[in-house]
Amino acid sequence: MANIGQRVGIFVDVQNLYYSAKNLYQSYVNFSQILKKGLGSGQLVRAVAYGIKANLPKEEVFFKALAEAGFELKLKDLQVYAGGLKKGNWDVGMSVDMIRLAEKLDIVVLASGDGDFLDLVEYLQNRGIYVKIFAFGQSASTKLIERADFFEDLDKNTDSFLIKK
């Protein structure tokens, strides 16, 4: 689908892609390439990367690189519960942002393979929005892949979408 001049919103589930790349390829995601390929020849309305602050080494350098690549950052602190359970999740926040922006967008690029976004994708499509999913096919929800108007399998172009450690 040509998207010349169409209004594009790019929403990145940083943890989903980061850990998929780390576990599958022992590599880092080239988020700049996701932004470039997701936008194509469209008009960028918003590019937002949603991440979790876990006080890890080099974390600030990573977040700075995302901002320099052109992403607006939305960050939450990692929650640690009694018993040591750790949780960090942006699914609801990402969904609310996409719903809020829906009337200003022709195309939504969701960079995540999380099947929890299936209902959101259907909602957006029912409002006439073309939904592209960018994710690693090996770790993405099959139902999410099938529901997308377009699926960019990052596994199929690792030279472009990965940065080797």
N, C-alpha and C. Protein backbone atom coordinates (compact mmCIF):
# COMPACT_ATOMS: atom_id res chain seq x y z
N MET A 1 0.84 -1.19 0.00
CA MET A 1 0.00 0.00 0.00
C MET A 1 0.88 1.24 0.00
N ALA A 2 0.68 2.11 -0.96
CA ALA A 2 1.39 3.39 -0.99
C ALA A 2 0.76 4.29 0.06
N ASN A 3 1.59 4.98 0.81
CA ASN A 3 1.03 5.85 1.85
C ASN A 3 1.49 7.29 1.67
N ILE A 4 1.66 7.71 0.42
CA ILE A 4 2.13 9.06 0.14
C ILE A 4 1.19 10.08 0.76
N GLY A 5 1.74 10.88 1.65
CA GLY A 5 0.99 11.95 2.29
C GLY A 5 -0.01 11.52 3.35
N GLN A 6 -0.20 10.22 3.55
CA GLN A 6 -1.15 9.78 4.57
C GLN A 6 -0.57 10.04 5.96
N ARG A 7 -1.46 10.28 6.89
CA ARG A 7 -1.06 10.60 8.27
C ARG A 7 -0.75 9.31 9.02
N VAL A 8 0.46 9.25 9.56
CA VAL A 8 0.96 8.02 10.17
C VAL A 8 1.29 8.25 11.65
N GLY A 9 0.88 7.30 12.48
CA GLY A 9 1.28 7.26 13.88
C GLY A 9 2.05 5.97 14.11
N ILE A 10 3.20 6.07 14.76
CA ILE A 10 4.05 4.91 15.02
C ILE A 10 4.15 4.74 16.53
N PHE A 11 3.80 3.54 17.00
CA PHE A 11 3.74 3.26 18.43
C PHE A 11 4.55 2.00 18.70
N VAL A 12 5.61 2.15 19.51
CA VAL A 12 6.58 1.08 19.72
C VAL A 12 6.53 0.56 21.15
N ASP A 13 6.28 -0.73 21.28
CA ASP A 13 6.34 -1.45 22.55
C ASP A 13 7.81 -1.87 22.73
N VAL A 14 8.59 -1.01 23.34
CA VAL A 14 10.04 -1.19 23.42
C VAL A 14 10.41 -2.54 24.03
N GLN A 15 9.81 -2.88 25.16
CA GLN A 15 10.19 -4.13 25.84
C GLN A 15 9.90 -5.34 24.96
N ASN A 16 8.77 -5.34 24.29
CA ASN A 16 8.40 -6.48 23.45
C ASN A 16 9.46 -6.72 22.38
N LEU A 17 9.84 -5.67 21.67
CA LEU A 17 10.83 -5.84 20.61
C LEU A 17 12.23 -6.07 21.16
N TYR A 18 12.58 -5.34 22.22
CA TYR A 18 13.92 -5.45 22.81
C TYR A 18 14.20 -6.90 23.24
N TYR A 19 13.26 -7.48 23.99
CA TYR A 19 13.49 -8.83 24.50
C TYR A 19 13.37 -9.89 23.42
N SER A 20 12.54 -9.66 22.41
CA SER A 20 12.49 -10.60 21.28
C SER A 20 13.84 -10.62 20.57
N ALA A 21 14.40 -9.45 20.28
CA ALA A 21 15.70 -9.38 19.60
C ALA A 21 16.80 -9.99 20.46
N LYS A 22 16.75 -9.71 21.74
CA LYS A 22 17.77 -10.22 22.65
C LYS A 22 17.70 -11.75 22.74
N ASN A 23 16.49 -12.29 22.91
CA ASN A 23 16.34 -13.73 23.09
C ASN A 23 16.51 -14.52 21.80
N LEU A 24 16.04 -13.97 20.69
CA LEU A 24 16.10 -14.70 19.42
C LEU A 24 17.47 -14.56 18.73
N TYR A 25 18.07 -13.37 18.83
CA TYR A 25 19.26 -13.08 18.03
C TYR A 25 20.45 -12.56 18.83
N GLN A 26 20.31 -12.39 20.14
CA GLN A 26 21.36 -11.80 20.96
C GLN A 26 21.81 -10.48 20.33
N SER A 27 20.85 -9.69 19.90
CA SER A 27 21.09 -8.42 19.23
C SER A 27 20.16 -7.35 19.75
N TYR A 28 20.37 -6.14 19.25
CA TYR A 28 19.52 -5.00 19.58
C TYR A 28 18.64 -4.64 18.39
N VAL A 29 17.52 -4.02 18.65
CA VAL A 29 16.63 -3.58 17.59
C VAL A 29 17.12 -2.25 17.03
N ASN A 30 17.06 -2.11 15.72
CA ASN A 30 17.36 -0.85 15.08
C ASN A 30 16.05 -0.06 15.00
N PHE A 31 15.74 0.68 16.06
CA PHE A 31 14.48 1.40 16.15
C PHE A 31 14.39 2.51 15.10
N SER A 32 15.52 3.08 14.71
CA SER A 32 15.53 4.10 13.65
C SER A 32 14.97 3.53 12.35
N GLN A 33 15.33 2.30 12.06
CA GLN A 33 14.87 1.65 10.84
C GLN A 33 13.37 1.36 10.91
N ILE A 34 12.87 1.02 12.08
CA ILE A 34 11.43 0.81 12.24
C ILE A 34 10.68 2.11 11.96
N LEU A 35 11.21 3.21 12.48
CA LEU A 35 10.59 4.51 12.23
C LEU A 35 10.61 4.84 10.73
N LYS A 36 11.75 4.66 10.11
CA LYS A 36 11.89 4.99 8.68
C LYS A 36 10.98 4.12 7.82
N LYS A 37 11.04 2.81 8.03
CA LYS A 37 10.25 1.88 7.21
C LYS A 37 8.75 2.02 7.53
N GLY A 38 8.42 2.23 8.79
CA GLY A 38 7.01 2.38 9.16
C GLY A 38 6.39 3.62 8.57
N LEU A 39 7.15 4.70 8.51
CA LEU A 39 6.64 5.96 7.97
C LEU A 39 6.52 5.92 6.45
N GLY A 40 7.50 5.31 5.80
CA GLY A 40 7.49 5.29 4.34
C GLY A 40 7.44 6.72 3.81
N SER A 41 6.51 6.99 2.92
CA SER A 41 6.38 8.33 2.36
C SER A 41 5.19 9.06 2.97
N GLY A 42 4.78 8.60 4.15
CA GLY A 42 3.65 9.24 4.83
C GLY A 42 4.07 10.48 5.60
N GLN A 43 3.09 11.12 6.19
CA GLN A 43 3.29 12.32 7.01
C GLN A 43 3.24 11.89 8.48
N LEU A 44 4.34 12.05 9.19
CA LEU A 44 4.40 11.63 10.58
C LEU A 44 3.57 12.55 11.47
N VAL A 45 2.63 11.96 12.18
CA VAL A 45 1.84 12.70 13.17
C VAL A 45 2.49 12.51 14.54
N ARG A 46 2.78 11.27 14.92
CA ARG A 46 3.45 10.97 16.20
C ARG A 46 4.26 9.69 16.05
N ALA A 47 5.38 9.65 16.71
CA ALA A 47 6.18 8.44 16.85
C ALA A 47 6.51 8.34 18.33
N VAL A 48 5.93 7.35 18.99
CA VAL A 48 6.07 7.23 20.44
C VAL A 48 6.66 5.86 20.79
N ALA A 49 7.68 5.87 21.63
CA ALA A 49 8.29 4.64 22.13
C ALA A 49 7.94 4.53 23.61
N TYR A 50 7.37 3.42 23.99
CA TYR A 50 6.92 3.18 25.36
C TYR A 50 7.88 2.20 26.02
N GLY A 51 8.51 2.65 27.10
CA GLY A 51 9.52 1.81 27.74
C GLY A 51 9.38 1.77 29.25
N ILE A 52 10.14 0.87 29.83
CA ILE A 52 10.17 0.67 31.28
C ILE A 52 11.56 0.99 31.80
N LYS A 53 11.61 1.85 32.81
CA LYS A 53 12.89 2.17 33.46
C LYS A 53 13.13 1.13 34.55
N ALA A 54 14.24 0.43 34.41
CA ALA A 54 14.56 -0.63 35.36
C ALA A 54 15.90 -0.40 36.04
N ASN A 55 16.45 0.81 35.88
CA ASN A 55 17.74 1.17 36.47
C ASN A 55 18.84 0.19 36.08
N LEU A 56 18.90 -0.10 34.78
CA LEU A 56 19.92 -1.00 34.26
C LEU A 56 21.08 -0.18 33.70
N PRO A 57 22.28 -0.78 33.62
CA PRO A 57 23.41 -0.07 33.03
C PRO A 57 23.09 0.33 31.59
N LYS A 58 23.52 1.48 31.19
CA LYS A 58 23.36 2.01 29.83
C LYS A 58 21.91 2.31 29.44
N GLU A 59 21.01 2.22 30.38
CA GLU A 59 19.60 2.46 30.08
C GLU A 59 19.37 3.89 29.58
N GLU A 60 19.99 4.86 30.24
CA GLU A 60 19.79 6.25 29.83
C GLU A 60 20.35 6.51 28.43
N VAL A 61 21.45 5.85 28.10
CA VAL A 61 22.03 5.98 26.75
C VAL A 61 21.04 5.43 25.72
N PHE A 62 20.43 4.32 26.03
CA PHE A 62 19.45 3.71 25.15
C PHE A 62 18.24 4.63 24.94
N PHE A 63 17.70 5.18 26.03
CA PHE A 63 16.55 6.07 25.91
C PHE A 63 16.92 7.35 25.14
N LYS A 64 18.12 7.84 25.36
CA LYS A 64 18.57 9.02 24.62
C LYS A 64 18.66 8.72 23.12
N ALA A 65 19.13 7.54 22.78
CA ALA A 65 19.23 7.14 21.37
C ALA A 65 17.84 7.06 20.73
N LEU A 66 16.86 6.57 21.45
CA LEU A 66 15.49 6.53 20.94
C LEU A 66 14.98 7.94 20.65
N ALA A 67 15.23 8.85 21.58
CA ALA A 67 14.79 10.24 21.40
C ALA A 67 15.50 10.87 20.20
N GLU A 68 16.78 10.62 20.05
CA GLU A 68 17.54 11.17 18.94
C GLU A 68 17.10 10.58 17.60
N ALA A 69 16.54 9.37 17.64
CA ALA A 69 16.04 8.73 16.41
C ALA A 69 14.71 9.35 15.97
N GLY A 70 14.10 10.13 16.85
CA GLY A 70 12.86 10.81 16.47
C GLY A 70 11.63 10.37 17.24
N PHE A 71 11.83 9.56 18.27
CA PHE A 71 10.71 9.10 19.07
C PHE A 71 10.45 10.00 20.27
N GLU A 72 9.19 10.22 20.55
CA GLU A 72 8.77 10.78 21.83
C GLU A 72 8.82 9.60 22.80
N LEU A 73 9.37 9.81 23.98
CA LEU A 73 9.48 8.72 24.96
C LEU A 73 8.40 8.82 26.03
N LYS A 74 7.81 7.69 26.33
CA LYS A 74 6.93 7.58 27.48
C LYS A 74 7.51 6.44 28.31
N LEU A 75 7.88 6.77 29.54
CA LEU A 75 8.57 5.81 30.38
C LEU A 75 7.84 5.62 31.71
N LYS A 76 7.86 4.40 32.19
CA LYS A 76 7.33 4.05 33.51
C LYS A 76 8.44 3.36 34.28
N ASP A 77 8.36 3.47 35.60
CA ASP A 77 9.28 2.72 36.44
C ASP A 77 8.84 1.27 36.52
N LEU A 78 9.80 0.36 36.59
CA LEU A 78 9.52 -1.04 36.81
C LEU A 78 8.88 -1.19 38.18
N GLN A 79 7.78 -1.93 38.24
CA GLN A 79 7.12 -2.16 39.52
C GLN A 79 7.64 -3.46 40.12
N VAL A 80 8.01 -3.41 41.40
CA VAL A 80 8.48 -4.61 42.10
C VAL A 80 7.49 -4.89 43.22
N TYR A 81 6.93 -6.07 43.19
CA TYR A 81 5.90 -6.46 44.16
C TYR A 81 6.51 -7.32 45.27
N ALA A 82 5.75 -7.47 46.37
CA ALA A 82 6.17 -8.35 47.45
C ALA A 82 6.42 -9.73 46.88
N GLY A 83 7.48 -10.36 47.31
CA GLY A 83 7.82 -11.67 46.79
C GLY A 83 8.76 -11.60 45.60
N GLY A 84 9.06 -10.37 45.14
CA GLY A 84 10.04 -10.20 44.08
C GLY A 84 9.49 -10.13 42.66
N LEU A 85 8.19 -10.32 42.48
CA LEU A 85 7.61 -10.23 41.14
C LEU A 85 7.84 -8.84 40.56
N LYS A 86 8.30 -8.79 39.31
CA LYS A 86 8.57 -7.51 38.65
C LYS A 86 7.64 -7.40 37.45
N LYS A 87 7.12 -6.20 37.25
CA LYS A 87 6.20 -6.00 36.15
C LYS A 87 6.33 -4.60 35.58
N GLY A 88 6.27 -4.53 34.27
CA GLY A 88 6.26 -3.26 33.56
C GLY A 88 5.45 -3.45 32.29
N ASN A 89 4.41 -2.67 32.12
CA ASN A 89 3.51 -2.90 31.00
C ASN A 89 2.89 -1.59 30.54
N TRP A 90 2.87 -1.40 29.23
CA TRP A 90 2.31 -0.18 28.64
C TRP A 90 1.08 -0.45 27.79
N ASP A 91 0.55 -1.68 27.78
CA ASP A 91 -0.53 -2.02 26.86
C ASP A 91 -1.71 -1.05 26.92
N VAL A 92 -2.17 -0.74 28.10
CA VAL A 92 -3.33 0.16 28.24
C VAL A 92 -2.96 1.56 27.80
N GLY A 93 -1.82 2.07 28.24
CA GLY A 93 -1.39 3.41 27.86
C GLY A 93 -1.22 3.56 26.36
N MET A 94 -0.62 2.57 25.74
CA MET A 94 -0.46 2.61 24.28
C MET A 94 -1.82 2.60 23.60
N SER A 95 -2.71 1.74 24.07
CA SER A 95 -4.04 1.65 23.47
C SER A 95 -4.80 2.95 23.59
N VAL A 96 -4.77 3.56 24.75
CA VAL A 96 -5.46 4.83 24.96
C VAL A 96 -4.90 5.90 24.03
N ASP A 97 -3.59 5.97 23.89
CA ASP A 97 -2.98 6.95 22.99
C ASP A 97 -3.43 6.74 21.55
N MET A 98 -3.47 5.50 21.11
CA MET A 98 -3.89 5.22 19.73
C MET A 98 -5.36 5.58 19.51
N ILE A 99 -6.19 5.28 20.48
CA ILE A 99 -7.62 5.62 20.38
C ILE A 99 -7.79 7.14 20.36
N ARG A 100 -7.05 7.84 21.22
CA ARG A 100 -7.13 9.31 21.24
C ARG A 100 -6.73 9.94 19.92
N LEU A 101 -5.74 9.35 19.26
CA LEU A 101 -5.22 9.91 18.01
C LEU A 101 -5.91 9.37 16.76
N ALA A 102 -6.78 8.39 16.92
CA ALA A 102 -7.36 7.68 15.78
C ALA A 102 -7.93 8.61 14.72
N GLU A 103 -8.64 9.65 15.11
CA GLU A 103 -9.28 10.52 14.11
C GLU A 103 -8.26 11.36 13.33
N LYS A 104 -7.02 11.41 13.81
CA LYS A 104 -5.98 12.19 13.14
C LYS A 104 -5.04 11.32 12.31
N LEU A 105 -5.35 10.02 12.22
CA LEU A 105 -4.45 9.08 11.56
C LEU A 105 -5.14 8.31 10.45
N ASP A 106 -4.38 8.03 9.39
CA ASP A 106 -4.81 7.14 8.32
C ASP A 106 -4.18 5.76 8.49
N ILE A 107 -2.98 5.76 9.06
CA ILE A 107 -2.20 4.52 9.24
C ILE A 107 -1.65 4.49 10.67
N VAL A 108 -1.78 3.34 11.31
CA VAL A 108 -1.14 3.11 12.60
C VAL A 108 -0.11 2.01 12.40
N VAL A 109 1.11 2.29 12.82
CA VAL A 109 2.16 1.28 12.85
C VAL A 109 2.33 0.89 14.32
N LEU A 110 2.01 -0.35 14.62
CA LEU A 110 2.18 -0.89 15.96
C LEU A 110 3.37 -1.82 15.93
N ALA A 111 4.43 -1.44 16.61
CA ALA A 111 5.64 -2.26 16.67
C ALA A 111 5.58 -3.09 17.94
N SER A 112 4.93 -4.24 17.83
CA SER A 112 4.77 -5.17 18.94
C SER A 112 4.15 -6.45 18.39
N GLY A 113 4.50 -7.56 18.98
CA GLY A 113 3.87 -8.82 18.61
C GLY A 113 2.91 -9.31 19.67
N ASP A 114 2.57 -8.45 20.62
CA ASP A 114 1.74 -8.81 21.76
C ASP A 114 0.28 -8.99 21.34
N GLY A 115 -0.23 -10.18 21.51
CA GLY A 115 -1.61 -10.51 21.15
C GLY A 115 -2.65 -9.74 21.94
N ASP A 116 -2.25 -9.11 23.04
CA ASP A 116 -3.19 -8.30 23.81
C ASP A 116 -3.70 -7.10 23.01
N PHE A 117 -3.02 -6.76 21.92
CA PHE A 117 -3.43 -5.63 21.09
C PHE A 117 -4.46 -6.01 20.02
N LEU A 118 -4.87 -7.26 19.97
CA LEU A 118 -5.79 -7.73 18.93
C LEU A 118 -7.09 -6.92 18.89
N ASP A 119 -7.73 -6.71 20.02
CA ASP A 119 -8.98 -5.94 20.06
C ASP A 119 -8.76 -4.50 19.62
N LEU A 120 -7.64 -3.92 20.00
CA LEU A 120 -7.32 -2.55 19.59
C LEU A 120 -7.17 -2.47 18.07
N VAL A 121 -6.48 -3.42 17.48
CA VAL A 121 -6.28 -3.42 16.03
C VAL A 121 -7.64 -3.48 15.34
N GLU A 122 -8.50 -4.35 15.81
CA GLU A 122 -9.84 -4.46 15.22
C GLU A 122 -10.62 -3.15 15.38
N TYR A 123 -10.53 -2.53 16.53
CA TYR A 123 -11.20 -1.24 16.78
C TYR A 123 -10.71 -0.19 15.77
N LEU A 124 -9.41 -0.08 15.61
CA LEU A 124 -8.85 0.90 14.68
C LEU A 124 -9.28 0.63 13.25
N GLN A 125 -9.24 -0.63 12.85
CA GLN A 125 -9.63 -0.99 11.49
C GLN A 125 -11.11 -0.66 11.24
N ASN A 126 -11.94 -0.87 12.24
CA ASN A 126 -13.37 -0.56 12.10
C ASN A 126 -13.60 0.94 11.94
N ARG A 127 -12.61 1.74 12.25
CA ARG A 127 -12.69 3.19 12.06
C ARG A 127 -11.96 3.65 10.79
N GLY A 128 -11.62 2.68 9.96
CA GLY A 128 -11.02 3.00 8.67
C GLY A 128 -9.52 3.20 8.68
N ILE A 129 -8.88 2.84 9.77
CA ILE A 129 -7.43 3.01 9.88
C ILE A 129 -6.73 1.73 9.41
N TYR A 130 -5.73 1.92 8.57
CA TYR A 130 -4.91 0.83 8.07
C TYR A 130 -3.86 0.52 9.14
N VAL A 131 -3.78 -0.73 9.58
CA VAL A 131 -2.89 -1.09 10.68
C VAL A 131 -1.75 -1.98 10.19
N LYS A 132 -0.53 -1.49 10.42
CA LYS A 132 0.68 -2.25 10.12
C LYS A 132 1.26 -2.75 11.44
N ILE A 133 1.63 -4.00 11.46
CA ILE A 133 2.31 -4.57 12.63
C ILE A 133 3.76 -4.84 12.23
N PHE A 134 4.68 -4.37 13.07
CA PHE A 134 6.10 -4.66 12.91
C PHE A 134 6.49 -5.50 14.12
N ALA A 135 6.93 -6.74 13.89
CA ALA A 135 7.29 -7.62 15.01
C ALA A 135 8.13 -8.77 14.48
N PHE A 136 8.72 -9.50 15.38
CA PHE A 136 9.44 -10.72 15.03
C PHE A 136 8.42 -11.84 14.93
N GLY A 137 8.27 -12.39 13.74
CA GLY A 137 7.26 -13.41 13.49
C GLY A 137 7.36 -14.61 14.42
N GLN A 138 8.59 -14.97 14.80
CA GLN A 138 8.79 -16.12 15.68
C GLN A 138 8.17 -15.94 17.06
N SER A 139 8.06 -14.68 17.50
CA SER A 139 7.55 -14.45 18.85
C SER A 139 6.26 -13.63 18.87
N ALA A 140 5.68 -13.38 17.69
CA ALA A 140 4.46 -12.58 17.62
C ALA A 140 3.22 -13.47 17.66
N SER A 141 2.15 -12.90 18.15
CA SER A 141 0.85 -13.58 18.17
C SER A 141 0.38 -13.86 16.75
N THR A 142 0.06 -15.10 16.47
CA THR A 142 -0.44 -15.48 15.14
C THR A 142 -1.72 -14.73 14.82
N LYS A 143 -2.60 -14.59 15.78
CA LYS A 143 -3.86 -13.89 15.54
C LYS A 143 -3.63 -12.42 15.23
N LEU A 144 -2.65 -11.80 15.87
CA LEU A 144 -2.32 -10.40 15.60
C LEU A 144 -1.79 -10.27 14.17
N ILE A 145 -0.92 -11.17 13.77
CA ILE A 145 -0.37 -11.18 12.41
C ILE A 145 -1.50 -11.30 11.39
N GLU A 146 -2.40 -12.24 11.62
CA GLU A 146 -3.51 -12.47 10.69
C GLU A 146 -4.45 -11.28 10.61
N ARG A 147 -4.64 -10.58 11.70
CA ARG A 147 -5.58 -9.46 11.75
C ARG A 147 -5.01 -8.20 11.10
N ALA A 148 -3.71 -8.05 11.10
CA ALA A 148 -3.08 -6.83 10.57
C ALA A 148 -3.40 -6.65 9.09
N ASP A 149 -3.47 -5.40 8.66
CA ASP A 149 -3.60 -5.12 7.23
C ASP A 149 -2.27 -5.41 6.53
N PHE A 150 -1.18 -5.23 7.27
CA PHE A 150 0.16 -5.47 6.74
C PHE A 150 1.02 -5.94 7.90
N PHE A 151 1.83 -6.96 7.67
CA PHE A 151 2.74 -7.45 8.71
C PHE A 151 4.17 -7.40 8.19
N GLU A 152 5.01 -6.65 8.89
CA GLU A 152 6.44 -6.59 8.60
C GLU A 152 7.14 -7.53 9.56
N ASP A 153 7.57 -8.69 9.05
CA ASP A 153 8.24 -9.69 9.86
C ASP A 153 9.71 -9.31 9.99
N LEU A 154 10.09 -8.83 11.15
CA LEU A 154 11.46 -8.39 11.38
C LEU A 154 12.46 -9.54 11.25
N ASP A 155 11.98 -10.77 11.42
CA ASP A 155 12.84 -11.94 11.24
C ASP A 155 13.34 -12.05 9.80
N LYS A 156 12.58 -11.54 8.86
CA LYS A 156 12.91 -11.70 7.44
C LYS A 156 13.90 -10.66 6.93
N ASN A 157 14.22 -9.68 7.75
CA ASN A 157 15.16 -8.64 7.32
C ASN A 157 16.03 -8.20 8.50
N THR A 158 16.70 -9.17 9.08
CA THR A 158 17.50 -8.88 10.28
C THR A 158 18.67 -7.95 9.99
N ASP A 159 19.18 -7.95 8.76
CA ASP A 159 20.28 -7.03 8.43
C ASP A 159 19.86 -5.58 8.60
N SER A 160 18.61 -5.31 8.34
CA SER A 160 18.09 -3.96 8.43
C SER A 160 17.56 -3.60 9.82
N PHE A 161 16.90 -4.56 10.46
CA PHE A 161 16.18 -4.27 11.70
C PHE A 161 16.94 -4.64 12.98
N LEU A 162 18.13 -5.21 12.86
CA LEU A 162 18.91 -5.56 14.04
C LEU A 162 20.27 -4.89 14.04
N ILE A 163 20.76 -4.63 15.23
CA ILE A 163 22.12 -4.15 15.43
C ILE A 163 22.82 -5.21 16.26
N LYS A 164 23.85 -5.78 15.70
CA LYS A 164 24.57 -6.87 16.40
C LYS A 164 25.30 -6.31 17.62
N LYS A 165 25.31 -7.10 18.69
CA LYS A 165 25.99 -6.69 19.92
C LYS A 165 27.48 -6.71 19.72
